[in-house]
Each structure stands twice: as C-alpha cells, then as structure tokens.
C-alpha cells in the first residue's frame, strides 16, 4: 500500500471518538518498532518527522523507510512533517514524497499565521497532501526548539475556530496545557478549550506533547474531541534505557544489533500501549 494523507483516517477517528497516534521516526529502529506494533494491532498511524530528524536521516532515506513500511504492512500510514518551519520546507517534503505536512506558524502573529498556513494548504491540497496547523504556543523542548512555561500560551477557542475557517487545515493543533518532553508533575490540560473548538469545527483537534500524560487525561482529551495525539519522548526514553541496560550488563558488547534489538522491542511495547489507549486498534 502507498503512503496516504491523514484524511484517509482522521475523519473516521473524529466520528468514532478515538485518536490516531503520531509516533516520531528518529531512525530505522523507531520506524520498525512503530510499524510492527501497528501491524499487530491493525491500526493506522502517522510517522512524524521533525526537521532535526530529517537532517539526521536524510530526506531520501526517510521517505524510503516509510514507503517500505507502508508496502510491507498494508496499513494506512501517513508520512508527516512535524513542526515545519516554512513554506519552502513543506514543499521540499511534499516533492520528496511526504503525504502530510504540518506548518507551525504559532510564533507569528495570528493574522500572519493564517496567511502563511493558507499558502501551505493551497499548495498541499493540489497534491493530495494533508495539512496540520498550530495555534497557541506549546511549551517544552523538541529537537532544537525550546519554549519555557512563561512563553507558552493557550489557544483561544474563538481564534482557533476562525483559524480553521480561514485556512481549511485538515487538523488543528491547539495549545491546551501539554508540553513537549516529559513532565515533572501532571500537566494541566484545558479540556474545555478542546471541547469548544472540536464542537465548532469538522476536523480533529491535535494534542502535542502526549508523552507522560496520564491515561485518564488522554481518554478525557479524546472524549472532548482530540483525534490525533503525538508521542515521541516516551519512545526515546524506552530506547535509551534499554540500550543503557544492555551495555551496563555486558561491557564487551560491540555489535549494535545486540543493543538495538532490545531497544526496538521496548519501543514496540510503548507504541502498542498507546494504540490501545487511543482506541485505534482494528481501525485500519
């Protein structure tokens, strides 16, 4: 099966009150773990690729790995640019074979964010590629982007509704109290914002910073209208902890397969638990 846009499964997720997971692809083992978990549970999913991961893996390898996963699995898989910083980066990814892109204009003024997002939507739609927009500023650290709590700001429902109406994005990430990275304490998610926006627009709300959010908060977010949830840090932690344990156990290990195989297995378990929590099992 070829890679698909998020429009192949997100409308169904919104209607069915479940969410599809975006799991970031950071290398081959991440890609393999994510697709193996999804095959086992027959779930659609999104490979998220940040600009930092693109620099690390190379765009040609990134697309080839995702296409191989789609062909092997037969699952509906979207290859999605995560937090794209410009029209040019989004177009580069589309030309290379990405089936979905995010334009993150949240650091611009509201009007400029609308203007720039509309440009991406217009070009992407002509290519059958889905687009995610973002409103409000999500805190935490992701790749080279760091936003402290002081500068994170919540999305306003009336602005989010207008943003959708003017841009026509296929899903909308709004800042509701989550953060990138792991949490020191429990996040304070504003479910009322999610519900107000979700009831007023026909596309799903996206929850960024899904790692470390308590299960009950995830369930409440989905009930309020979240249809896409991003997870990266939990996989990174599981991978690194597994590698560290393998190397600590045997200092003579030098074959990367000896520590990357258990790391991949650890990530499979993380992804399976998220797919089951999000409710996307058997929705492929």
C-alpha atoms as a PDB file:
ATOM      1  CA  UNK A   1       0.000   0.000   0.000  1.00  0.00           C
ATOM      2  CA  UNK A   2       1.202   3.528  -0.760  1.00  0.00           C
ATOM      3  CA  UNK A   3       1.540   6.237   1.873  1.00  0.00           C
ATOM      4  CA  UNK A   4      -1.745   8.080   2.431  1.00  0.00           C
ATOM      5  CA  UNK A   5      -2.762  11.521   3.652  1.00  0.00           C
ATOM      6  CA  UNK A   6      -4.201  11.879   7.144  1.00  0.00           C
ATOM      7  CA  UNK A   7      -7.589  12.457   5.506  1.00  0.00           C
ATOM      8  CA  UNK A   8      -7.730   8.713   4.874  1.00  0.00           C
ATOM      9  CA  UNK A   9      -8.296   8.059   8.573  1.00  0.00           C
ATOM     10  CA  UNK A  10      -8.663  11.225  10.703  1.00  0.00           C
ATOM     11  CA  UNK A  11     -12.304  11.969   9.729  1.00  0.00           C
ATOM     12  CA  UNK A  12     -13.186   8.411  10.771  1.00  0.00           C
ATOM     13  CA  UNK A  13     -11.315   8.910  14.066  1.00  0.00           C
ATOM     14  CA  UNK A  14     -13.255  12.095  14.853  1.00  0.00           C
ATOM     15  CA  UNK A  15     -16.565  10.414  14.040  1.00  0.00           C
ATOM     16  CA  UNK A  16     -15.658   7.306  16.033  1.00  0.00           C
ATOM     17  CA  UNK A  17     -14.340   9.183  19.090  1.00  0.00           C
ATOM     18  CA  UNK A  18     -10.857   7.668  19.018  1.00  0.00           C
ATOM     19  CA  UNK A  19      -7.430   9.072  18.167  1.00  0.00           C
ATOM     20  CA  UNK A  20      -4.671   8.074  15.762  1.00  0.00           C
ATOM     21  CA  UNK A  21      -1.138   8.251  17.077  1.00  0.00           C
ATOM     22  CA  UNK A  22       1.715  10.188  15.533  1.00  0.00           C
ATOM     23  CA  UNK A  23       4.922   8.422  16.502  1.00  0.00           C
ATOM     24  CA  UNK A  24       8.141  10.163  15.541  1.00  0.00           C
ATOM     25  CA  UNK A  25      10.616   8.355  13.337  1.00  0.00           C
ATOM     26  CA  UNK A  26      14.162   9.091  14.523  1.00  0.00           C
ATOM     27  CA  UNK A  27      15.975   6.172  12.885  1.00  0.00           C
ATOM     28  CA  UNK A  28      15.354   2.734  11.370  1.00  0.00           C
ATOM     29  CA  UNK A  29      14.652   1.050  14.719  1.00  0.00           C
ATOM     30  CA  UNK A  30      11.984   3.621  15.600  1.00  0.00           C
ATOM     31  CA  UNK A  31      10.338   3.109  12.206  1.00  0.00           C
ATOM     32  CA  UNK A  32      10.405  -0.667  12.563  1.00  0.00           C
ATOM     33  CA  UNK A  33       9.053  -0.642  16.125  1.00  0.00           C
ATOM     34  CA  UNK A  34       6.158   1.661  15.227  1.00  0.00           C
ATOM     35  CA  UNK A  35       5.021  -0.331  12.210  1.00  0.00           C
ATOM     36  CA  UNK A  36       5.435  -3.708  13.954  1.00  0.00           C
ATOM     37  CA  UNK A  37       3.196  -2.561  16.811  1.00  0.00           C
ATOM     38  CA  UNK A  38       0.622  -1.209  14.354  1.00  0.00           C
ATOM     39  CA  UNK A  39       0.618  -4.445  12.331  1.00  0.00           C
ATOM     40  CA  UNK A  40      -0.043  -6.463  15.478  1.00  0.00           C
ATOM     41  CA  UNK A  41      -2.983  -4.233  16.453  1.00  0.00           C
ATOM     42  CA  UNK A  42      -4.214  -3.436  12.903  1.00  0.00           C
ATOM     43  CA  UNK A  43      -4.042   0.314  13.442  1.00  0.00           C
ATOM     44  CA  UNK A  44      -3.483   3.295  11.171  1.00  0.00           C
ATOM     45  CA  UNK A  45      -0.703   5.628  12.303  1.00  0.00           C
ATOM     46  CA  UNK A  46       1.372   8.660  11.404  1.00  0.00           C
ATOM     47  CA  UNK A  47       5.132   8.749  11.096  1.00  0.00           C
ATOM     48  CA  UNK A  48       6.124  12.164  12.429  1.00  0.00           C
ATOM     49  CA  UNK A  49       9.417  13.561  11.152  1.00  0.00           C
ATOM     50  CA  UNK A  50      10.872  16.738  12.610  1.00  0.00           C
ATOM     51  CA  UNK A  51      13.276  18.953  10.698  1.00  0.00           C
ATOM     52  CA  UNK A  52      16.014  17.767  13.065  1.00  0.00           C
ATOM     53  CA  UNK A  53      15.272  14.120  12.228  1.00  0.00           C
ATOM     54  CA  UNK A  54      15.291  14.989   8.527  1.00  0.00           C
ATOM     55  CA  UNK A  55      18.790  16.438   8.878  1.00  0.00           C
ATOM     56  CA  UNK A  56      19.887  13.342  10.792  1.00  0.00           C
ATOM     57  CA  UNK A  57      18.437  10.669   8.481  1.00  0.00           C
ATOM     58  CA  UNK A  58      18.319  12.470   5.131  1.00  0.00           C
ATOM     59  CA  UNK A  59      15.060  13.033   3.294  1.00  0.00           C
ATOM     60  CA  UNK A  60      15.611  10.222   0.758  1.00  0.00           C
ATOM     61  CA  UNK A  61      16.197   7.585   3.456  1.00  0.00           C
ATOM     62  CA  UNK A  62      13.245   8.900   5.479  1.00  0.00           C
ATOM     63  CA  UNK A  63      10.794   8.559   2.592  1.00  0.00           C
ATOM     64  CA  UNK A  64      12.182   5.179   1.522  1.00  0.00           C
ATOM     65  CA  UNK A  65      11.815   3.732   5.035  1.00  0.00           C
ATOM     66  CA  UNK A  66       8.223   4.982   5.351  1.00  0.00           C
ATOM     67  CA  UNK A  67       7.304   3.672   1.903  1.00  0.00           C
ATOM     68  CA  UNK A  68       8.804   0.270   2.782  1.00  0.00           C
ATOM     69  CA  UNK A  69       6.727   0.176   5.988  1.00  0.00           C
ATOM     70  CA  UNK A  70       3.535   1.022   4.079  1.00  0.00           C
ATOM     71  CA  UNK A  71       4.247  -1.623   1.441  1.00  0.00           C
ATOM     72  CA  UNK A  72       5.102  -4.320   3.981  1.00  0.00           C
ATOM     73  CA  UNK A  73       2.225  -3.634   6.353  1.00  0.00           C
ATOM     74  CA  UNK A  74      -0.644  -2.780   4.022  1.00  0.00           C
ATOM     75  CA  UNK A  75      -1.750  -0.297   6.694  1.00  0.00           C
ATOM     76  CA  UNK A  76      -2.883   3.298   6.093  1.00  0.00           C
ATOM     77  CA  UNK A  77       0.273   5.216   7.053  1.00  0.00           C
ATOM     78  CA  UNK A  78       0.859   8.945   6.683  1.00  0.00           C
ATOM     79  CA  UNK A  79       4.378  10.369   6.485  1.00  0.00           C
ATOM     80  CA  UNK A  80       4.066  13.751   8.163  1.00  0.00           C
ATOM     81  CA  UNK A  81       6.412  16.714   8.524  1.00  0.00           C
ATOM     82  CA  UNK A  82       6.277  17.680  12.213  1.00  0.00           C
ATOM     83  CA  UNK A  83       6.573  21.401  13.095  1.00  0.00           C
ATOM     84  CA  UNK A  84       7.527  22.529   9.602  1.00  0.00           C
ATOM     85  CA  UNK A  85       9.018  25.994   9.897  1.00  0.00           C
ATOM     86  CA  UNK A  86       8.401  27.373   6.411  1.00  0.00           C
ATOM     87  CA  UNK A  87       6.530  27.020   3.136  1.00  0.00           C
ATOM     88  CA  UNK A  88       9.810  26.002   1.493  1.00  0.00           C
ATOM     89  CA  UNK A  89      10.457  23.122   3.911  1.00  0.00           C
ATOM     90  CA  UNK A  90       6.870  21.874   3.493  1.00  0.00           C
ATOM     91  CA  UNK A  91       7.171  21.946  -0.308  1.00  0.00           C
ATOM     92  CA  UNK A  92      10.531  20.145  -0.191  1.00  0.00           C
ATOM     93  CA  UNK A  93       8.934  17.342   1.835  1.00  0.00           C
ATOM     94  CA  UNK A  94       5.912  17.110  -0.464  1.00  0.00           C
ATOM     95  CA  UNK A  95       8.135  16.896  -3.543  1.00  0.00           C
ATOM     96  CA  UNK A  96      10.170  14.143  -1.841  1.00  0.00           C
ATOM     97  CA  UNK A  97       7.079  12.008  -1.157  1.00  0.00           C
ATOM     98  CA  UNK A  98       5.622  13.089   2.201  1.00  0.00           C
ATOM     99  CA  UNK A  99       1.859  12.556   2.292  1.00  0.00           C
ATOM    100  CA  UNK A 100       1.194  15.122   5.026  1.00  0.00           C
ATOM    101  CA  UNK A 101       2.814  18.262   6.417  1.00  0.00           C
ATOM    102  CA  UNK A 102       2.476  20.492   9.436  1.00  0.00           C
ATOM    103  CA  UNK A 103       3.105  24.189   9.142  1.00  0.00           C
ATOM    104  CA  UNK A 104       3.847  25.624  12.574  1.00  0.00           C
ATOM    105  CA  UNK A 105       3.213  29.357  12.375  1.00  0.00           C
ATOM    106  CA  UNK A 106       2.443  29.662  16.078  1.00  0.00           C
ATOM    107  CA  UNK A 107       5.395  32.009  16.651  1.00  0.00           C
ATOM    108  CA  UNK A 108       3.983  34.504  14.130  1.00  0.00           C
ATOM    109  CA  UNK A 109       1.153  36.933  14.783  1.00  0.00           C
ATOM    110  CA  UNK A 110      -2.339  35.436  14.482  1.00  0.00           C
ATOM    111  CA  UNK A 111      -3.006  37.124  11.110  1.00  0.00           C
ATOM    112  CA  UNK A 112       0.392  36.147   9.704  1.00  0.00           C
ATOM    113  CA  UNK A 113      -0.068  32.558  10.890  1.00  0.00           C
ATOM    114  CA  UNK A 114      -3.357  32.435   8.963  1.00  0.00           C
ATOM    115  CA  UNK A 115      -1.803  33.932   5.839  1.00  0.00           C
ATOM    116  CA  UNK A 116       1.178  31.581   5.763  1.00  0.00           C
ATOM    117  CA  UNK A 117      -0.865  28.486   6.640  1.00  0.00           C
ATOM    118  CA  UNK A 118      -3.308  29.259   3.811  1.00  0.00           C
ATOM    119  CA  UNK A 119      -0.401  29.249   1.347  1.00  0.00           C
ATOM    120  CA  UNK A 120       0.718  25.808   2.517  1.00  0.00           C
ATOM    121  CA  UNK A 121      -2.850  24.438   2.421  1.00  0.00           C
ATOM    122  CA  UNK A 122      -3.414  25.700  -1.124  1.00  0.00           C
ATOM    123  CA  UNK A 123      -0.244  24.093  -2.468  1.00  0.00           C
ATOM    124  CA  UNK A 124      -0.570  20.857  -0.478  1.00  0.00           C
ATOM    125  CA  UNK A 125      -4.236  20.315  -1.371  1.00  0.00           C
ATOM    126  CA  UNK A 126      -3.364  20.431  -5.072  1.00  0.00           C
ATOM    127  CA  UNK A 127      -1.007  17.492  -4.414  1.00  0.00           C
ATOM    128  CA  UNK A 128      -3.450  15.464  -2.282  1.00  0.00           C
ATOM    129  CA  UNK A 129      -1.379  16.139   0.843  1.00  0.00           C
ATOM    130  CA  UNK A 130      -2.990  16.845   4.232  1.00  0.00           C
ATOM    131  CA  UNK A 131      -2.013  19.841   6.382  1.00  0.00           C
ATOM    132  CA  UNK A 132      -1.908  20.387  10.136  1.00  0.00           C
ATOM    133  CA  UNK A 133      -1.860  23.912  11.541  1.00  0.00           C
ATOM    134  CA  UNK A 134      -0.990  25.137  15.014  1.00  0.00           C
ATOM    135  CA  UNK A 135      -2.378  27.854  17.227  1.00  0.00           C
ATOM    136  CA  UNK A 136      -1.035  28.902  20.621  1.00  0.00           C
ATOM    137  CA  UNK A 137       2.448  28.037  21.848  1.00  0.00           C
ATOM    138  CA  UNK A 138       3.218  24.582  23.246  1.00  0.00           C
ATOM    139  CA  UNK A 139       5.919  24.553  25.916  1.00  0.00           C
ATOM    140  CA  UNK A 140       8.815  22.179  26.465  1.00  0.00           C
ATOM    141  CA  UNK A 141      11.731  21.058  24.300  1.00  0.00           C
ATOM    142  CA  UNK A 142      11.579  19.310  20.931  1.00  0.00           C
ATOM    143  CA  UNK A 143      14.755  18.991  18.834  1.00  0.00           C
ATOM    144  CA  UNK A 144      16.291  22.479  18.765  1.00  0.00           C
ATOM    145  CA  UNK A 145      13.045  24.245  19.735  1.00  0.00           C
ATOM    146  CA  UNK A 146      12.683  25.238  23.387  1.00  0.00           C
ATOM    147  CA  UNK A 147       9.727  27.140  24.842  1.00  0.00           C
ATOM    148  CA  UNK A 148       9.667  27.829  28.575  1.00  0.00           C
ATOM    149  CA  UNK A 149       6.415  27.842  30.564  1.00  0.00           C
ATOM    150  CA  UNK A 150       6.420  31.615  30.771  1.00  0.00           C
ATOM    151  CA  UNK A 151       6.193  31.925  26.979  1.00  0.00           C
ATOM    152  CA  UNK A 152       3.756  29.055  26.374  1.00  0.00           C
ATOM    153  CA  UNK A 153       0.283  30.425  25.790  1.00  0.00           C
ATOM    154  CA  UNK A 154      -3.094  28.728  25.479  1.00  0.00           C
ATOM    155  CA  UNK A 155      -5.148  28.877  22.310  1.00  0.00           C
ATOM    156  CA  UNK A 156      -8.336  30.964  22.422  1.00  0.00           C
ATOM    157  CA  UNK A 157     -11.356  28.967  21.156  1.00  0.00           C
ATOM    158  CA  UNK A 158     -12.762  31.838  19.082  1.00  0.00           C
ATOM    159  CA  UNK A 159      -9.387  32.342  17.384  1.00  0.00           C
ATOM    160  CA  UNK A 160      -8.990  28.593  16.761  1.00  0.00           C
ATOM    161  CA  UNK A 161     -12.416  28.456  15.095  1.00  0.00           C
ATOM    162  CA  UNK A 162     -11.626  31.449  12.894  1.00  0.00           C
ATOM    163  CA  UNK A 163      -8.195  29.986  12.095  1.00  0.00           C
ATOM    164  CA  UNK A 164      -9.837  26.795  10.805  1.00  0.00           C
ATOM    165  CA  UNK A 165     -12.492  28.676   8.846  1.00  0.00           C
ATOM    166  CA  UNK A 166      -9.906  30.823   7.063  1.00  0.00           C
ATOM    167  CA  UNK A 167      -7.204  28.194   6.447  1.00  0.00           C
ATOM    168  CA  UNK A 168      -9.156  24.968   5.905  1.00  0.00           C
ATOM    169  CA  UNK A 169      -6.500  22.827   7.608  1.00  0.00           C
ATOM    170  CA  UNK A 170      -7.189  19.092   7.912  1.00  0.00           C
ATOM    171  CA  UNK A 171      -6.456  19.024  11.649  1.00  0.00           C
ATOM    172  CA  UNK A 172      -5.589  21.695  14.166  1.00  0.00           C
ATOM    173  CA  UNK A 173      -3.031  21.578  16.973  1.00  0.00           C
ATOM    174  CA  UNK A 174      -4.014  23.939  19.769  1.00  0.00           C
ATOM    175  CA  UNK A 175      -2.090  24.737  22.930  1.00  0.00           C
ATOM    176  CA  UNK A 176      -4.186  23.401  25.824  1.00  0.00           C
ATOM    177  CA  UNK A 177      -1.613  22.853  28.571  1.00  0.00           C
ATOM    178  CA  UNK A 178       0.518  19.952  27.354  1.00  0.00           C
ATOM    179  CA  UNK A 179       4.253  20.281  26.655  1.00  0.00           C
ATOM    180  CA  UNK A 180       6.945  18.577  24.600  1.00  0.00           C
ATOM    181  CA  UNK A 181       9.229  16.291  26.583  1.00  0.00           C
ATOM    182  CA  UNK A 182       8.466  14.549  29.886  1.00  0.00           C
ATOM    183  CA  UNK A 183       6.570  16.245  32.713  1.00  0.00           C
ATOM    184  CA  UNK A 184       7.946  16.996  36.171  1.00  0.00           C
ATOM    185  CA  UNK A 185       4.370  16.852  37.516  1.00  0.00           C
ATOM    186  CA  UNK A 186       0.945  16.342  35.987  1.00  0.00           C
ATOM    187  CA  UNK A 187       0.000  18.587  33.055  1.00  0.00           C
ATOM    188  CA  UNK A 188      -2.972  20.907  33.432  1.00  0.00           C
ATOM    189  CA  UNK A 189      -4.996  20.184  30.308  1.00  0.00           C
ATOM    190  CA  UNK A 190      -7.829  22.585  29.477  1.00  0.00           C
ATOM    191  CA  UNK A 191     -10.478  20.142  28.283  1.00  0.00           C
ATOM    192  CA  UNK A 192     -12.977  22.986  27.923  1.00  0.00           C
ATOM    193  CA  UNK A 193     -10.859  24.541  25.165  1.00  0.00           C
ATOM    194  CA  UNK A 194     -10.629  21.224  23.315  1.00  0.00           C
ATOM    195  CA  UNK A 195     -14.391  20.708  23.554  1.00  0.00           C
ATOM    196  CA  UNK A 196     -15.311  24.245  22.491  1.00  0.00           C
ATOM    197  CA  UNK A 197     -13.086  24.072  19.413  1.00  0.00           C
ATOM    198  CA  UNK A 198     -13.932  20.482  18.466  1.00  0.00           C
ATOM    199  CA  UNK A 199     -17.679  21.121  18.554  1.00  0.00           C
ATOM    200  CA  UNK A 200     -17.306  24.096  16.206  1.00  0.00           C
ATOM    201  CA  UNK A 201     -15.015  22.633  13.526  1.00  0.00           C
ATOM    202  CA  UNK A 202     -15.391  19.448  11.439  1.00  0.00           C
ATOM    203  CA  UNK A 203     -11.744  18.334  11.713  1.00  0.00           C
ATOM    204  CA  UNK A 204      -9.923  16.766  14.684  1.00  0.00           C
ATOM    205  CA  UNK A 205      -8.029  18.663  17.338  1.00  0.00           C
ATOM    206  CA  UNK A 206      -4.392  17.547  17.753  1.00  0.00           C
ATOM    207  CA  UNK A 207      -2.732  17.004  21.124  1.00  0.00           C
ATOM    208  CA  UNK A 208       1.021  17.630  21.040  1.00  0.00           C
ATOM    209  CA  UNK A 209       3.186  16.515  23.955  1.00  0.00           C
ATOM    210  CA  UNK A 210       1.361  13.215  24.519  1.00  0.00           C
ATOM    211  CA  UNK A 211       4.306  11.535  26.277  1.00  0.00           C
ATOM    212  CA  UNK A 212       3.824  11.131  30.013  1.00  0.00           C
ATOM    213  CA  UNK A 213       0.226  12.371  30.067  1.00  0.00           C
ATOM    214  CA  UNK A 214      -1.817  10.201  32.488  1.00  0.00           C
ATOM    215  CA  UNK A 215      -4.095   7.713  30.724  1.00  0.00           C
ATOM    216  CA  UNK A 216      -7.277   9.200  32.146  1.00  0.00           C
ATOM    217  CA  UNK A 217      -6.342  12.640  30.797  1.00  0.00           C
ATOM    218  CA  UNK A 218      -5.759  11.100  27.373  1.00  0.00           C
ATOM    219  CA  UNK A 219      -9.192   9.470  27.492  1.00  0.00           C
ATOM    220  CA  UNK A 220     -10.820  12.757  28.527  1.00  0.00           C
ATOM    221  CA  UNK A 221      -8.989  14.594  25.725  1.00  0.00           C
ATOM    222  CA  UNK A 222     -10.275  12.109  23.147  1.00  0.00           C
ATOM    223  CA  UNK A 223     -13.815  12.346  24.545  1.00  0.00           C
ATOM    224  CA  UNK A 224     -13.541  16.148  24.232  1.00  0.00           C
ATOM    225  CA  UNK A 225     -12.574  15.926  20.546  1.00  0.00           C
ATOM    226  CA  UNK A 226      -8.880  15.096  20.125  1.00  0.00           C
ATOM    227  CA  UNK A 227      -8.359  12.833  17.096  1.00  0.00           C
ATOM    228  CA  UNK A 228      -4.563  12.865  16.733  1.00  0.00           C
ATOM    229  CA  UNK A 229      -2.014  12.517  19.541  1.00  0.00           C
ATOM    230  CA  UNK A 230       1.750  12.972  19.186  1.00  0.00           C
ATOM    231  CA  UNK A 231       4.159  10.702  21.047  1.00  0.00           C
ATOM    232  CA  UNK A 232       7.946  10.846  20.809  1.00  0.00           C
ATOM    233  CA  UNK A 233       9.705  11.259  24.160  1.00  0.00           C
ATOM    234  CA  UNK A 234       8.370   8.020  25.688  1.00  0.00           C
ATOM    235  CA  UNK A 235       9.835   6.055  22.782  1.00  0.00           C
ATOM    236  CA  UNK A 236      13.135   7.909  23.092  1.00  0.00           C
ATOM    237  CA  UNK A 237      13.293   7.148  26.822  1.00  0.00           C
ATOM    238  CA  UNK A 238      12.403   3.457  26.323  1.00  0.00           C
ATOM    239  CA  UNK A 239      15.016   3.133  23.575  1.00  0.00           C
ATOM    240  CA  UNK A 240      17.794   4.802  25.561  1.00  0.00           C
ATOM    241  CA  UNK A 241      17.044   2.992  28.827  1.00  0.00           C
ATOM    242  CA  UNK A 242      17.113  -0.353  27.035  1.00  0.00           C
ATOM    243  CA  UNK A 243      20.446   0.416  25.342  1.00  0.00           C
ATOM    244  CA  UNK A 244      21.943   1.649  28.613  1.00  0.00           C
ATOM    245  CA  UNK A 245      20.824  -1.540  30.404  1.00  0.00           C
ATOM    246  CA  UNK A 246      22.287  -3.783  27.692  1.00  0.00           C
ATOM    247  CA  UNK A 247      25.652  -2.001  27.751  1.00  0.00           C
ATOM    248  CA  UNK A 248      25.786  -1.961  31.560  1.00  0.00           C
ATOM    249  CA  UNK A 249      25.051  -5.685  31.632  1.00  0.00           C
ATOM    250  CA  UNK A 250      27.842  -6.587  29.217  1.00  0.00           C
ATOM    251  CA  UNK A 251      30.724  -4.157  28.649  1.00  0.00           C
ATOM    252  CA  UNK A 252      32.073  -6.377  25.856  1.00  0.00           C
ATOM    253  CA  UNK A 253      29.134  -5.754  23.505  1.00  0.00           C
ATOM    254  CA  UNK A 254      30.218  -4.028  20.310  1.00  0.00           C
ATOM    255  CA  UNK A 255      27.661  -5.303  17.773  1.00  0.00           C
ATOM    256  CA  UNK A 256      24.929  -2.593  17.588  1.00  0.00           C
ATOM    257  CA  UNK A 257      22.314  -5.256  16.869  1.00  0.00           C
ATOM    258  CA  UNK A 258      22.861  -6.669  20.349  1.00  0.00           C
ATOM    259  CA  UNK A 259      21.574  -3.490  21.997  1.00  0.00           C
ATOM    260  CA  UNK A 260      19.332  -2.072  19.258  1.00  0.00           C
ATOM    261  CA  UNK A 261      17.200  -5.234  19.089  1.00  0.00           C
ATOM    262  CA  UNK A 262      16.035  -4.956  22.735  1.00  0.00           C
ATOM    263  CA  UNK A 263      15.651  -1.199  22.251  1.00  0.00           C
ATOM    264  CA  UNK A 264      13.309  -1.841  19.330  1.00  0.00           C
ATOM    265  CA  UNK A 265      11.343  -4.353  21.407  1.00  0.00           C
ATOM    266  CA  UNK A 266      10.946  -1.806  24.196  1.00  0.00           C
ATOM    267  CA  UNK A 267       9.550   0.750  21.749  1.00  0.00           C
ATOM    268  CA  UNK A 268       7.111  -1.794  20.298  1.00  0.00           C
ATOM    269  CA  UNK A 269       5.583  -2.144  23.759  1.00  0.00           C
ATOM    270  CA  UNK A 270       5.300   1.639  24.171  1.00  0.00           C
ATOM    271  CA  UNK A 271       3.566   2.049  20.807  1.00  0.00           C
ATOM    272  CA  UNK A 272       1.203  -0.876  21.424  1.00  0.00           C
ATOM    273  CA  UNK A 273       0.145   0.603  24.765  1.00  0.00           C
ATOM    274  CA  UNK A 274      -0.569   3.974  23.117  1.00  0.00           C
ATOM    275  CA  UNK A 275      -2.537   2.477  20.228  1.00  0.00           C
ATOM    276  CA  UNK A 276      -4.711   0.583  22.705  1.00  0.00           C
ATOM    277  CA  UNK A 277      -5.154   3.690  24.866  1.00  0.00           C
ATOM    278  CA  UNK A 278      -6.059   5.869  21.869  1.00  0.00           C
ATOM    279  CA  UNK A 279      -8.655   3.340  20.678  1.00  0.00           C
ATOM    280  CA  UNK A 280      -7.294   2.915  17.130  1.00  0.00           C
ATOM    281  CA  UNK A 281      -6.829  -0.869  17.304  1.00  0.00           C
ATOM    282  CA  UNK A 282      -8.600  -2.644  14.422  1.00  0.00           C
ATOM    283  CA  UNK A 283      -9.394   0.676  12.702  1.00  0.00           C
ATOM    284  CA  UNK A 284      -7.041   0.162   9.738  1.00  0.00           C
END
